[in-house]
Amino acid sequence: MLGRVGLLPAVVATILVAGCAVADVERTADPAPTPVARTLRTPDTLLGLPRSGTPLPAGLPRFRLNELTREATPATSTVEGVYGRGRPAPETIVVSAVSGTVADPQATLDRLLKPYRIPKPRSVEFGRYGGEARCGRGRTADEGHLTACAWADPEVAGVVVFLTATKQPDRKEDFLTIRDELEQPTG
């Protein structure tokens, strides 16, 4: 007869063995969820900043829309915008994105961040539509601060750049908010 000390390991072992038993019932794999078809829209405001017609500062590196449209073939929708309250503004947000078929999201993500010369972009939460996202901090030619966040998945790729004169807080939540504003389910 097992003592109290020996009973617990015996019960645990029985549960573990029973829990790992394979049933004779054949299971079918659940189909992978179909990605939600999306389109891009240009909102009137982002994070409370109005869309601006003010040109960006000279020398600001950026991934131009005509370059971005080559990342998704065929491009089904695009968005490019500058948001802020004129120059000098405490903050400017620049967005560029394209929808279509993104053949290689990883390589696209690398190319999207390259113009910003960010030493160590880090993977961040990508949001409700999936894919992969990275953000990093850098400086502009006029010694301003920038945070660039890019994302890519099989349907949409884009970049959001936050420009300020002073050091910035973490912008990951702002990035997710903006991505949700730009991408909309179709239909």
N, C-alpha and C. Protein backbone atom coordinates (compact mmCIF):
# COMPACT_ATOMS: atom_id res chain seq x y z
N MET A 1 0.85 -1.18 0.00
CA MET A 1 0.00 0.00 0.00
C MET A 1 0.89 1.24 0.00
N LEU A 2 0.51 2.22 -0.79
CA LEU A 2 1.28 3.45 -0.89
C LEU A 2 0.96 4.37 0.27
N GLY A 3 1.99 4.99 0.81
CA GLY A 3 1.78 5.97 1.86
C GLY A 3 1.33 7.28 1.25
N ARG A 4 1.01 8.24 2.10
CA ARG A 4 0.57 9.54 1.60
C ARG A 4 1.60 10.19 0.70
N VAL A 5 2.87 10.06 1.03
CA VAL A 5 3.93 10.67 0.24
C VAL A 5 4.01 10.00 -1.13
N GLY A 6 3.84 8.69 -1.21
CA GLY A 6 3.92 7.97 -2.47
C GLY A 6 2.67 8.09 -3.31
N LEU A 7 1.55 8.44 -2.72
CA LEU A 7 0.29 8.53 -3.45
C LEU A 7 0.26 9.71 -4.42
N LEU A 8 0.76 10.85 -4.01
CA LEU A 8 0.73 12.04 -4.86
C LEU A 8 1.51 11.83 -6.16
N PRO A 9 2.75 11.32 -6.12
CA PRO A 9 3.46 11.10 -7.38
C PRO A 9 2.75 10.08 -8.27
N ALA A 10 2.13 9.07 -7.68
CA ALA A 10 1.41 8.07 -8.47
C ALA A 10 0.21 8.69 -9.17
N VAL A 11 -0.52 9.55 -8.47
CA VAL A 11 -1.69 10.22 -9.07
C VAL A 11 -1.24 11.15 -10.19
N VAL A 12 -0.19 11.93 -9.94
CA VAL A 12 0.32 12.86 -10.95
C VAL A 12 0.77 12.09 -12.19
N ALA A 13 1.49 10.99 -12.00
CA ALA A 13 1.97 10.19 -13.13
C ALA A 13 0.79 9.63 -13.92
N THR A 14 -0.25 9.16 -13.24
CA THR A 14 -1.42 8.63 -13.92
C THR A 14 -2.11 9.70 -14.75
N ILE A 15 -2.25 10.90 -14.20
CA ILE A 15 -2.88 12.00 -14.92
C ILE A 15 -2.06 12.39 -16.13
N LEU A 16 -0.75 12.47 -15.96
CA LEU A 16 0.12 12.85 -17.08
C LEU A 16 0.05 11.83 -18.20
N VAL A 17 0.08 10.54 -17.86
CA VAL A 17 0.02 9.50 -18.88
C VAL A 17 -1.34 9.52 -19.57
N ALA A 18 -2.40 9.64 -18.81
CA ALA A 18 -3.74 9.68 -19.39
C ALA A 18 -3.93 10.92 -20.23
N GLY A 19 -3.38 12.03 -19.80
CA GLY A 19 -3.52 13.28 -20.55
C GLY A 19 -2.75 13.28 -21.84
N CYS A 20 -1.73 12.43 -21.96
CA CYS A 20 -0.91 12.38 -23.18
C CYS A 20 -1.36 11.27 -24.12
N ALA A 21 -2.38 10.51 -23.74
CA ALA A 21 -2.84 9.42 -24.59
C ALA A 21 -3.41 9.97 -25.89
N VAL A 22 -3.18 9.24 -26.96
CA VAL A 22 -3.66 9.65 -28.27
C VAL A 22 -4.98 8.95 -28.53
N ALA A 23 -5.97 9.70 -28.91
CA ALA A 23 -7.27 9.12 -29.21
C ALA A 23 -7.23 8.51 -30.61
N ASP A 24 -8.07 7.49 -30.84
CA ASP A 24 -8.14 6.85 -32.14
C ASP A 24 -8.99 7.64 -33.12
N VAL A 25 -9.56 8.74 -32.68
CA VAL A 25 -10.42 9.55 -33.54
C VAL A 25 -9.54 10.39 -34.45
N GLU A 26 -9.81 10.35 -35.75
CA GLU A 26 -9.04 11.16 -36.69
C GLU A 26 -9.56 12.59 -36.67
N ARG A 27 -8.66 13.53 -36.53
CA ARG A 27 -9.04 14.94 -36.49
C ARG A 27 -8.61 15.61 -37.78
N THR A 28 -9.43 16.50 -38.25
CA THR A 28 -9.05 17.28 -39.42
C THR A 28 -8.52 18.62 -38.93
N ALA A 29 -7.54 19.12 -39.62
CA ALA A 29 -6.97 20.42 -39.24
C ALA A 29 -7.94 21.53 -39.58
N ASP A 30 -8.06 22.48 -38.67
CA ASP A 30 -8.89 23.64 -38.95
C ASP A 30 -8.22 24.46 -40.04
N PRO A 31 -8.99 24.98 -40.98
CA PRO A 31 -8.36 25.80 -42.02
C PRO A 31 -7.79 27.08 -41.42
N ALA A 32 -6.70 27.54 -42.01
CA ALA A 32 -6.10 28.80 -41.55
C ALA A 32 -7.07 29.93 -41.84
N PRO A 33 -7.16 30.90 -40.94
CA PRO A 33 -8.09 31.99 -41.19
C PRO A 33 -7.69 32.77 -42.43
N THR A 34 -8.67 33.15 -43.21
CA THR A 34 -8.43 33.95 -44.40
C THR A 34 -8.18 35.38 -43.98
N PRO A 35 -7.07 35.99 -44.46
CA PRO A 35 -6.82 37.38 -44.07
C PRO A 35 -7.95 38.28 -44.56
N VAL A 36 -8.24 39.27 -43.77
CA VAL A 36 -9.27 40.23 -44.12
C VAL A 36 -8.75 41.10 -45.26
N ALA A 37 -9.52 41.20 -46.34
CA ALA A 37 -9.13 42.08 -47.44
C ALA A 37 -9.21 43.53 -46.95
N ARG A 38 -8.19 44.32 -47.28
CA ARG A 38 -8.13 45.69 -46.78
C ARG A 38 -7.85 46.68 -47.89
N THR A 39 -8.24 47.89 -47.63
CA THR A 39 -7.91 49.01 -48.48
C THR A 39 -7.35 50.11 -47.59
N LEU A 40 -6.70 51.07 -48.20
CA LEU A 40 -6.12 52.17 -47.43
C LEU A 40 -6.95 53.43 -47.62
N ARG A 41 -6.99 54.25 -46.60
CA ARG A 41 -7.69 55.53 -46.69
C ARG A 41 -6.81 56.61 -46.08
N THR A 42 -6.99 57.82 -46.55
CA THR A 42 -6.24 58.97 -46.06
C THR A 42 -7.15 59.75 -45.12
N PRO A 43 -6.94 59.64 -43.81
CA PRO A 43 -7.80 60.36 -42.87
C PRO A 43 -7.51 61.86 -42.88
N ASP A 44 -8.48 62.65 -42.44
CA ASP A 44 -8.31 64.10 -42.34
C ASP A 44 -7.36 64.49 -41.21
N THR A 45 -7.35 63.68 -40.15
CA THR A 45 -6.45 63.94 -39.01
C THR A 45 -5.83 62.62 -38.56
N LEU A 46 -4.66 62.72 -37.96
CA LEU A 46 -4.01 61.58 -37.29
C LEU A 46 -3.52 62.07 -35.94
N LEU A 47 -3.92 61.38 -34.89
CA LEU A 47 -3.55 61.74 -33.52
C LEU A 47 -3.85 63.21 -33.24
N GLY A 48 -4.94 63.71 -33.80
CA GLY A 48 -5.35 65.09 -33.57
C GLY A 48 -4.66 66.11 -34.45
N LEU A 49 -3.73 65.69 -35.30
CA LEU A 49 -3.03 66.61 -36.20
C LEU A 49 -3.72 66.63 -37.56
N PRO A 50 -3.96 67.83 -38.12
CA PRO A 50 -4.61 67.90 -39.42
C PRO A 50 -3.64 67.54 -40.55
N ARG A 51 -4.21 67.10 -41.66
CA ARG A 51 -3.40 66.87 -42.85
C ARG A 51 -2.85 68.21 -43.30
N SER A 52 -1.57 68.23 -43.67
CA SER A 52 -0.89 69.47 -43.97
C SER A 52 -0.41 69.50 -45.41
N GLY A 53 -0.41 70.68 -46.00
CA GLY A 53 0.15 70.87 -47.32
C GLY A 53 1.57 71.39 -47.25
N THR A 54 2.08 71.58 -46.06
CA THR A 54 3.43 72.11 -45.87
C THR A 54 4.45 71.07 -46.32
N PRO A 55 5.42 71.47 -47.13
CA PRO A 55 6.43 70.49 -47.56
C PRO A 55 7.31 70.06 -46.39
N LEU A 56 7.84 68.88 -46.53
CA LEU A 56 8.75 68.37 -45.50
C LEU A 56 10.06 69.11 -45.54
N PRO A 57 10.78 69.11 -44.43
CA PRO A 57 12.08 69.78 -44.40
C PRO A 57 13.03 69.16 -45.44
N ALA A 58 13.83 69.99 -46.07
CA ALA A 58 14.81 69.51 -47.04
C ALA A 58 15.76 68.54 -46.36
N GLY A 59 16.12 67.51 -47.07
CA GLY A 59 17.08 66.56 -46.54
C GLY A 59 16.47 65.46 -45.68
N LEU A 60 15.16 65.49 -45.47
CA LEU A 60 14.55 64.43 -44.68
C LEU A 60 14.54 63.15 -45.50
N PRO A 61 15.18 62.10 -45.03
CA PRO A 61 15.11 60.84 -45.77
C PRO A 61 13.70 60.30 -45.67
N ARG A 62 13.24 59.68 -46.72
CA ARG A 62 11.93 59.04 -46.64
C ARG A 62 11.76 58.05 -47.76
N PHE A 63 10.84 57.16 -47.57
CA PHE A 63 10.51 56.16 -48.57
C PHE A 63 9.36 56.74 -49.38
N ARG A 64 9.63 57.11 -50.60
CA ARG A 64 8.63 57.79 -51.43
C ARG A 64 7.57 56.82 -51.95
N LEU A 65 6.38 57.35 -52.17
CA LEU A 65 5.26 56.53 -52.58
C LEU A 65 5.54 55.79 -53.89
N ASN A 66 6.20 56.45 -54.85
CA ASN A 66 6.46 55.77 -56.12
C ASN A 66 7.37 54.56 -55.92
N GLU A 67 8.26 54.61 -54.94
CA GLU A 67 9.10 53.45 -54.61
C GLU A 67 8.27 52.39 -53.88
N LEU A 68 7.39 52.84 -53.04
CA LEU A 68 6.57 51.93 -52.24
C LEU A 68 5.61 51.12 -53.12
N THR A 69 5.07 51.74 -54.17
CA THR A 69 4.11 51.01 -55.02
C THR A 69 4.76 49.82 -55.71
N ARG A 70 6.07 49.79 -55.83
CA ARG A 70 6.76 48.63 -56.40
C ARG A 70 6.79 47.45 -55.44
N GLU A 71 6.49 47.70 -54.17
CA GLU A 71 6.52 46.63 -53.17
C GLU A 71 5.25 45.78 -53.18
N ALA A 72 4.18 46.26 -53.79
CA ALA A 72 2.92 45.51 -53.85
C ALA A 72 2.43 45.53 -55.30
N THR A 73 2.31 44.34 -55.88
CA THR A 73 1.88 44.28 -57.27
C THR A 73 0.65 43.41 -57.40
N PRO A 74 -0.37 43.88 -58.07
CA PRO A 74 -0.54 45.29 -58.42
C PRO A 74 -0.96 46.09 -57.19
N ALA A 75 -0.60 47.34 -57.17
CA ALA A 75 -1.02 48.22 -56.07
C ALA A 75 -2.51 48.48 -56.21
N THR A 76 -3.28 48.16 -55.16
CA THR A 76 -4.73 48.36 -55.22
C THR A 76 -5.17 49.64 -54.53
N SER A 77 -4.38 50.14 -53.59
CA SER A 77 -4.65 51.45 -52.98
C SER A 77 -3.36 51.96 -52.36
N THR A 78 -3.27 53.27 -52.26
CA THR A 78 -2.09 53.90 -51.67
C THR A 78 -2.52 55.05 -50.78
N VAL A 79 -1.63 55.41 -49.88
CA VAL A 79 -1.85 56.59 -49.06
C VAL A 79 -0.48 57.22 -48.81
N GLU A 80 -0.44 58.54 -48.89
CA GLU A 80 0.77 59.28 -48.53
C GLU A 80 0.29 60.61 -47.97
N GLY A 81 0.79 60.97 -46.82
CA GLY A 81 0.35 62.22 -46.23
C GLY A 81 1.30 62.73 -45.18
N VAL A 82 1.21 64.03 -44.98
CA VAL A 82 1.96 64.73 -43.94
C VAL A 82 0.93 65.36 -43.01
N TYR A 83 1.11 65.17 -41.72
CA TYR A 83 0.17 65.69 -40.73
C TYR A 83 0.93 66.57 -39.74
N GLY A 84 0.41 67.75 -39.50
CA GLY A 84 1.03 68.68 -38.56
C GLY A 84 0.37 70.04 -38.69
N ARG A 85 0.88 71.00 -37.98
CA ARG A 85 0.30 72.35 -38.00
C ARG A 85 1.27 73.36 -38.59
N GLY A 86 1.92 73.02 -39.68
CA GLY A 86 2.84 73.96 -40.32
C GLY A 86 4.22 73.92 -39.70
N ARG A 87 5.10 74.75 -40.19
CA ARG A 87 6.49 74.81 -39.71
C ARG A 87 6.71 76.09 -38.96
N PRO A 88 7.43 76.14 -37.89
CA PRO A 88 7.89 74.95 -37.18
C PRO A 88 6.76 74.39 -36.33
N ALA A 89 6.61 73.11 -36.35
CA ALA A 89 5.56 72.44 -35.57
C ALA A 89 6.22 71.58 -34.50
N PRO A 90 5.55 71.44 -33.36
CA PRO A 90 6.12 70.58 -32.33
C PRO A 90 6.20 69.12 -32.79
N GLU A 91 5.31 68.76 -33.72
CA GLU A 91 5.31 67.37 -34.21
C GLU A 91 4.77 67.32 -35.62
N THR A 92 5.39 66.48 -36.43
CA THR A 92 4.92 66.20 -37.78
C THR A 92 4.90 64.68 -37.93
N ILE A 93 3.86 64.17 -38.59
CA ILE A 93 3.76 62.74 -38.85
C ILE A 93 3.70 62.56 -40.36
N VAL A 94 4.52 61.66 -40.88
CA VAL A 94 4.55 61.35 -42.31
C VAL A 94 4.15 59.89 -42.47
N VAL A 95 3.19 59.62 -43.38
CA VAL A 95 2.75 58.24 -43.62
C VAL A 95 2.82 57.92 -45.10
N SER A 96 3.19 56.70 -45.41
CA SER A 96 3.16 56.16 -46.77
C SER A 96 2.80 54.69 -46.65
N ALA A 97 1.86 54.22 -47.46
CA ALA A 97 1.47 52.81 -47.42
C ALA A 97 0.89 52.40 -48.76
N VAL A 98 0.92 51.11 -49.02
CA VAL A 98 0.39 50.55 -50.26
C VAL A 98 -0.28 49.21 -49.94
N SER A 99 -1.38 48.93 -50.64
CA SER A 99 -2.00 47.62 -50.53
C SER A 99 -1.92 46.94 -51.89
N GLY A 100 -1.95 45.63 -51.88
CA GLY A 100 -1.83 44.81 -53.08
C GLY A 100 -1.27 43.47 -52.64
N THR A 101 -0.47 42.84 -53.46
CA THR A 101 0.19 41.60 -53.08
C THR A 101 1.65 41.90 -52.77
N VAL A 102 2.01 41.72 -51.51
CA VAL A 102 3.39 41.95 -51.07
C VAL A 102 4.08 40.59 -51.08
N ALA A 103 4.94 40.37 -52.07
CA ALA A 103 5.54 39.05 -52.28
C ALA A 103 6.47 38.63 -51.16
N ASP A 104 7.25 39.55 -50.63
CA ASP A 104 8.23 39.22 -49.59
C ASP A 104 8.15 40.26 -48.47
N PRO A 105 7.23 40.07 -47.52
CA PRO A 105 7.06 41.06 -46.46
C PRO A 105 8.34 41.36 -45.68
N GLN A 106 9.17 40.34 -45.41
CA GLN A 106 10.40 40.57 -44.64
C GLN A 106 11.35 41.51 -45.37
N ALA A 107 11.59 41.24 -46.64
CA ALA A 107 12.50 42.09 -47.42
C ALA A 107 11.91 43.48 -47.58
N THR A 108 10.60 43.56 -47.76
CA THR A 108 9.93 44.86 -47.88
C THR A 108 10.13 45.67 -46.61
N LEU A 109 9.97 45.04 -45.47
CA LEU A 109 10.15 45.72 -44.19
C LEU A 109 11.56 46.28 -44.06
N ASP A 110 12.54 45.50 -44.46
CA ASP A 110 13.93 45.98 -44.42
C ASP A 110 14.10 47.22 -45.30
N ARG A 111 13.54 47.18 -46.51
CA ARG A 111 13.68 48.32 -47.44
C ARG A 111 12.94 49.55 -46.93
N LEU A 112 11.80 49.36 -46.28
CA LEU A 112 11.03 50.50 -45.79
C LEU A 112 11.78 51.33 -44.76
N LEU A 113 12.57 50.69 -43.92
CA LEU A 113 13.28 51.41 -42.86
C LEU A 113 14.66 51.91 -43.27
N LYS A 114 15.19 51.41 -44.37
CA LYS A 114 16.56 51.74 -44.77
C LYS A 114 16.83 53.24 -44.92
N PRO A 115 15.94 54.05 -45.53
CA PRO A 115 16.26 55.47 -45.71
C PRO A 115 16.44 56.25 -44.40
N TYR A 116 15.94 55.72 -43.30
CA TYR A 116 15.94 56.48 -42.04
C TYR A 116 17.21 56.26 -41.21
N ARG A 117 18.08 55.41 -41.67
CA ARG A 117 19.37 55.18 -41.00
C ARG A 117 19.21 54.93 -39.49
N ILE A 118 18.31 54.04 -39.18
CA ILE A 118 18.06 53.67 -37.78
C ILE A 118 19.01 52.53 -37.43
N PRO A 119 19.85 52.73 -36.42
CA PRO A 119 20.86 51.72 -36.13
C PRO A 119 20.30 50.35 -35.72
N LYS A 120 19.27 50.32 -34.91
CA LYS A 120 18.77 49.04 -34.41
C LYS A 120 17.25 49.03 -34.35
N PRO A 121 16.57 48.88 -35.50
CA PRO A 121 15.11 48.78 -35.42
C PRO A 121 14.72 47.51 -34.66
N ARG A 122 13.68 47.62 -33.87
CA ARG A 122 13.24 46.50 -33.04
C ARG A 122 11.83 46.05 -33.46
N SER A 123 11.61 44.74 -33.36
CA SER A 123 10.28 44.21 -33.63
C SER A 123 9.32 44.73 -32.57
N VAL A 124 8.13 45.11 -33.00
CA VAL A 124 7.10 45.62 -32.10
C VAL A 124 5.78 44.94 -32.42
N GLU A 125 4.80 45.16 -31.58
CA GLU A 125 3.45 44.65 -31.82
C GLU A 125 2.98 45.14 -33.18
N PHE A 126 2.38 44.23 -33.96
CA PHE A 126 2.00 44.58 -35.33
C PHE A 126 0.55 44.99 -35.48
N GLY A 127 -0.28 44.77 -34.49
CA GLY A 127 -1.67 45.20 -34.57
C GLY A 127 -2.62 44.10 -35.02
N ARG A 128 -3.86 44.46 -35.21
CA ARG A 128 -4.91 43.48 -35.46
C ARG A 128 -4.84 42.81 -36.82
N TYR A 129 -4.11 43.37 -37.77
CA TYR A 129 -4.06 42.79 -39.11
C TYR A 129 -2.88 41.86 -39.32
N GLY A 130 -2.02 41.71 -38.34
CA GLY A 130 -0.92 40.76 -38.44
C GLY A 130 0.28 41.30 -39.19
N GLY A 131 1.11 40.38 -39.65
CA GLY A 131 2.33 40.76 -40.34
C GLY A 131 3.47 40.92 -39.35
N GLU A 132 4.40 41.76 -39.72
CA GLU A 132 5.52 42.07 -38.83
C GLU A 132 5.70 43.58 -38.84
N ALA A 133 6.16 44.10 -37.71
CA ALA A 133 6.39 45.54 -37.60
C ALA A 133 7.68 45.79 -36.83
N ARG A 134 8.35 46.86 -37.20
CA ARG A 134 9.57 47.28 -36.50
C ARG A 134 9.57 48.79 -36.34
N CYS A 135 10.15 49.25 -35.25
CA CYS A 135 10.31 50.69 -35.00
C CYS A 135 11.74 50.96 -34.56
N GLY A 136 12.17 52.18 -34.82
CA GLY A 136 13.49 52.59 -34.37
C GLY A 136 13.57 54.11 -34.34
N ARG A 137 14.58 54.60 -33.63
CA ARG A 137 14.77 56.04 -33.48
C ARG A 137 16.02 56.48 -34.21
N GLY A 138 15.97 57.70 -34.71
CA GLY A 138 17.12 58.27 -35.39
C GLY A 138 17.08 59.79 -35.30
N ARG A 139 17.91 60.43 -36.11
CA ARG A 139 17.98 61.90 -36.13
C ARG A 139 17.84 62.36 -37.57
N THR A 140 17.32 63.57 -37.72
CA THR A 140 17.22 64.19 -39.04
C THR A 140 18.48 65.00 -39.30
N ALA A 141 18.64 65.47 -40.54
CA ALA A 141 19.82 66.26 -40.90
C ALA A 141 19.93 67.53 -40.07
N ASP A 142 18.78 68.10 -39.67
CA ASP A 142 18.80 69.33 -38.86
C ASP A 142 18.79 69.03 -37.35
N GLU A 143 19.20 67.81 -37.00
CA GLU A 143 19.32 67.37 -35.61
C GLU A 143 17.98 67.21 -34.89
N GLY A 144 16.90 67.11 -35.64
CA GLY A 144 15.61 66.79 -35.05
C GLY A 144 15.56 65.29 -34.72
N HIS A 145 14.53 64.90 -34.03
CA HIS A 145 14.37 63.51 -33.63
C HIS A 145 13.31 62.86 -34.50
N LEU A 146 13.53 61.59 -34.83
CA LEU A 146 12.52 60.86 -35.59
C LEU A 146 12.38 59.46 -35.02
N THR A 147 11.16 58.96 -35.11
CA THR A 147 10.87 57.56 -34.84
C THR A 147 10.18 57.05 -36.09
N ALA A 148 10.73 56.00 -36.69
CA ALA A 148 10.13 55.39 -37.87
C ALA A 148 9.63 54.00 -37.51
N CYS A 149 8.37 53.73 -37.86
CA CYS A 149 7.77 52.42 -37.65
C CYS A 149 7.26 51.93 -39.00
N ALA A 150 7.62 50.72 -39.37
CA ALA A 150 7.18 50.14 -40.63
C ALA A 150 6.51 48.81 -40.37
N TRP A 151 5.62 48.44 -41.27
CA TRP A 151 4.97 47.14 -41.17
C TRP A 151 4.81 46.56 -42.56
N ALA A 152 4.72 45.24 -42.63
CA ALA A 152 4.49 44.54 -43.89
C ALA A 152 3.81 43.22 -43.59
N ASP A 153 2.86 42.88 -44.43
CA ASP A 153 2.21 41.58 -44.39
C ASP A 153 1.93 41.22 -45.85
N PRO A 154 1.32 40.08 -46.15
CA PRO A 154 1.12 39.72 -47.55
C PRO A 154 0.21 40.66 -48.35
N GLU A 155 -0.50 41.58 -47.69
CA GLU A 155 -1.42 42.47 -48.41
C GLU A 155 -1.09 43.96 -48.32
N VAL A 156 -0.44 44.39 -47.25
CA VAL A 156 -0.22 45.83 -47.04
C VAL A 156 1.19 46.06 -46.49
N ALA A 157 1.81 47.14 -46.94
CA ALA A 157 3.11 47.55 -46.38
C ALA A 157 3.09 49.06 -46.24
N GLY A 158 3.75 49.56 -45.20
CA GLY A 158 3.77 51.00 -45.01
C GLY A 158 4.75 51.44 -43.95
N VAL A 159 4.89 52.75 -43.85
CA VAL A 159 5.81 53.33 -42.87
C VAL A 159 5.17 54.59 -42.29
N VAL A 160 5.38 54.80 -40.99
CA VAL A 160 4.93 55.99 -40.27
C VAL A 160 6.16 56.61 -39.63
N VAL A 161 6.36 57.91 -39.85
CA VAL A 161 7.51 58.60 -39.27
C VAL A 161 7.01 59.74 -38.41
N PHE A 162 7.47 59.78 -37.16
CA PHE A 162 7.15 60.84 -36.22
C PHE A 162 8.37 61.76 -36.14
N LEU A 163 8.18 63.05 -36.40
CA LEU A 163 9.27 64.03 -36.37
C LEU A 163 9.01 65.04 -35.28
N THR A 164 10.00 65.27 -34.43
CA THR A 164 9.90 66.27 -33.37
C THR A 164 11.25 66.95 -33.19
N ALA A 165 11.23 68.10 -32.54
CA ALA A 165 12.48 68.82 -32.26
C ALA A 165 13.17 68.25 -31.02
N THR A 166 12.39 67.61 -30.16
CA THR A 166 12.95 67.08 -28.91
C THR A 166 12.84 65.55 -28.88
N LYS A 167 13.53 64.95 -27.94
CA LYS A 167 13.51 63.50 -27.80
C LYS A 167 12.07 63.02 -27.60
N GLN A 168 11.75 61.88 -28.20
CA GLN A 168 10.38 61.37 -28.20
C GLN A 168 10.18 60.25 -27.19
N PRO A 169 8.95 60.14 -26.69
CA PRO A 169 8.62 58.98 -25.87
C PRO A 169 8.43 57.77 -26.80
N ASP A 170 8.14 56.63 -26.24
CA ASP A 170 7.85 55.44 -27.02
C ASP A 170 6.63 55.71 -27.90
N ARG A 171 6.69 55.37 -29.17
CA ARG A 171 5.60 55.68 -30.11
C ARG A 171 4.86 54.43 -30.60
N LYS A 172 5.08 53.28 -29.99
CA LYS A 172 4.46 52.05 -30.49
C LYS A 172 2.94 52.10 -30.47
N GLU A 173 2.35 52.63 -29.41
CA GLU A 173 0.89 52.71 -29.35
C GLU A 173 0.35 53.68 -30.40
N ASP A 174 1.05 54.80 -30.60
CA ASP A 174 0.65 55.74 -31.65
C ASP A 174 0.73 55.08 -33.02
N PHE A 175 1.77 54.30 -33.24
CA PHE A 175 1.92 53.58 -34.50
C PHE A 175 0.73 52.66 -34.75
N LEU A 176 0.33 51.88 -33.75
CA LEU A 176 -0.81 50.97 -33.90
C LEU A 176 -2.10 51.74 -34.18
N THR A 177 -2.29 52.86 -33.50
CA THR A 177 -3.47 53.69 -33.73
C THR A 177 -3.50 54.17 -35.18
N ILE A 178 -2.37 54.64 -35.67
CA ILE A 178 -2.30 55.14 -37.05
C ILE A 178 -2.51 54.01 -38.04
N ARG A 179 -1.91 52.86 -37.82
CA ARG A 179 -2.12 51.74 -38.74
C ARG A 179 -3.60 51.40 -38.83
N ASP A 180 -4.28 51.37 -37.69
CA ASP A 180 -5.72 51.10 -37.69
C ASP A 180 -6.50 52.17 -38.45
N GLU A 181 -6.05 53.41 -38.39
CA GLU A 181 -6.72 54.50 -39.12
C GLU A 181 -6.53 54.37 -40.63
N LEU A 182 -5.35 53.94 -41.04
CA LEU A 182 -5.04 53.86 -42.47
C LEU A 182 -5.66 52.65 -43.14
N GLU A 183 -5.66 51.51 -42.47
CA GLU A 183 -6.16 50.27 -43.06
C GLU A 183 -7.62 50.05 -42.69
N GLN A 184 -8.42 49.76 -43.69
CA GLN A 184 -9.84 49.50 -43.47
C GLN A 184 -10.24 48.23 -44.20
N PRO A 185 -11.05 47.37 -43.56
CA PRO A 185 -11.53 46.18 -44.27
C PRO A 185 -12.37 46.60 -45.48
N THR A 186 -12.24 45.87 -46.57
CA THR A 186 -13.07 46.17 -47.75
C THR A 186 -14.41 45.48 -47.61
N GLY A 187 -15.39 46.03 -48.30
CA GLY A 187 -16.71 45.42 -48.33
C GLY A 187 -17.52 45.64 -47.18
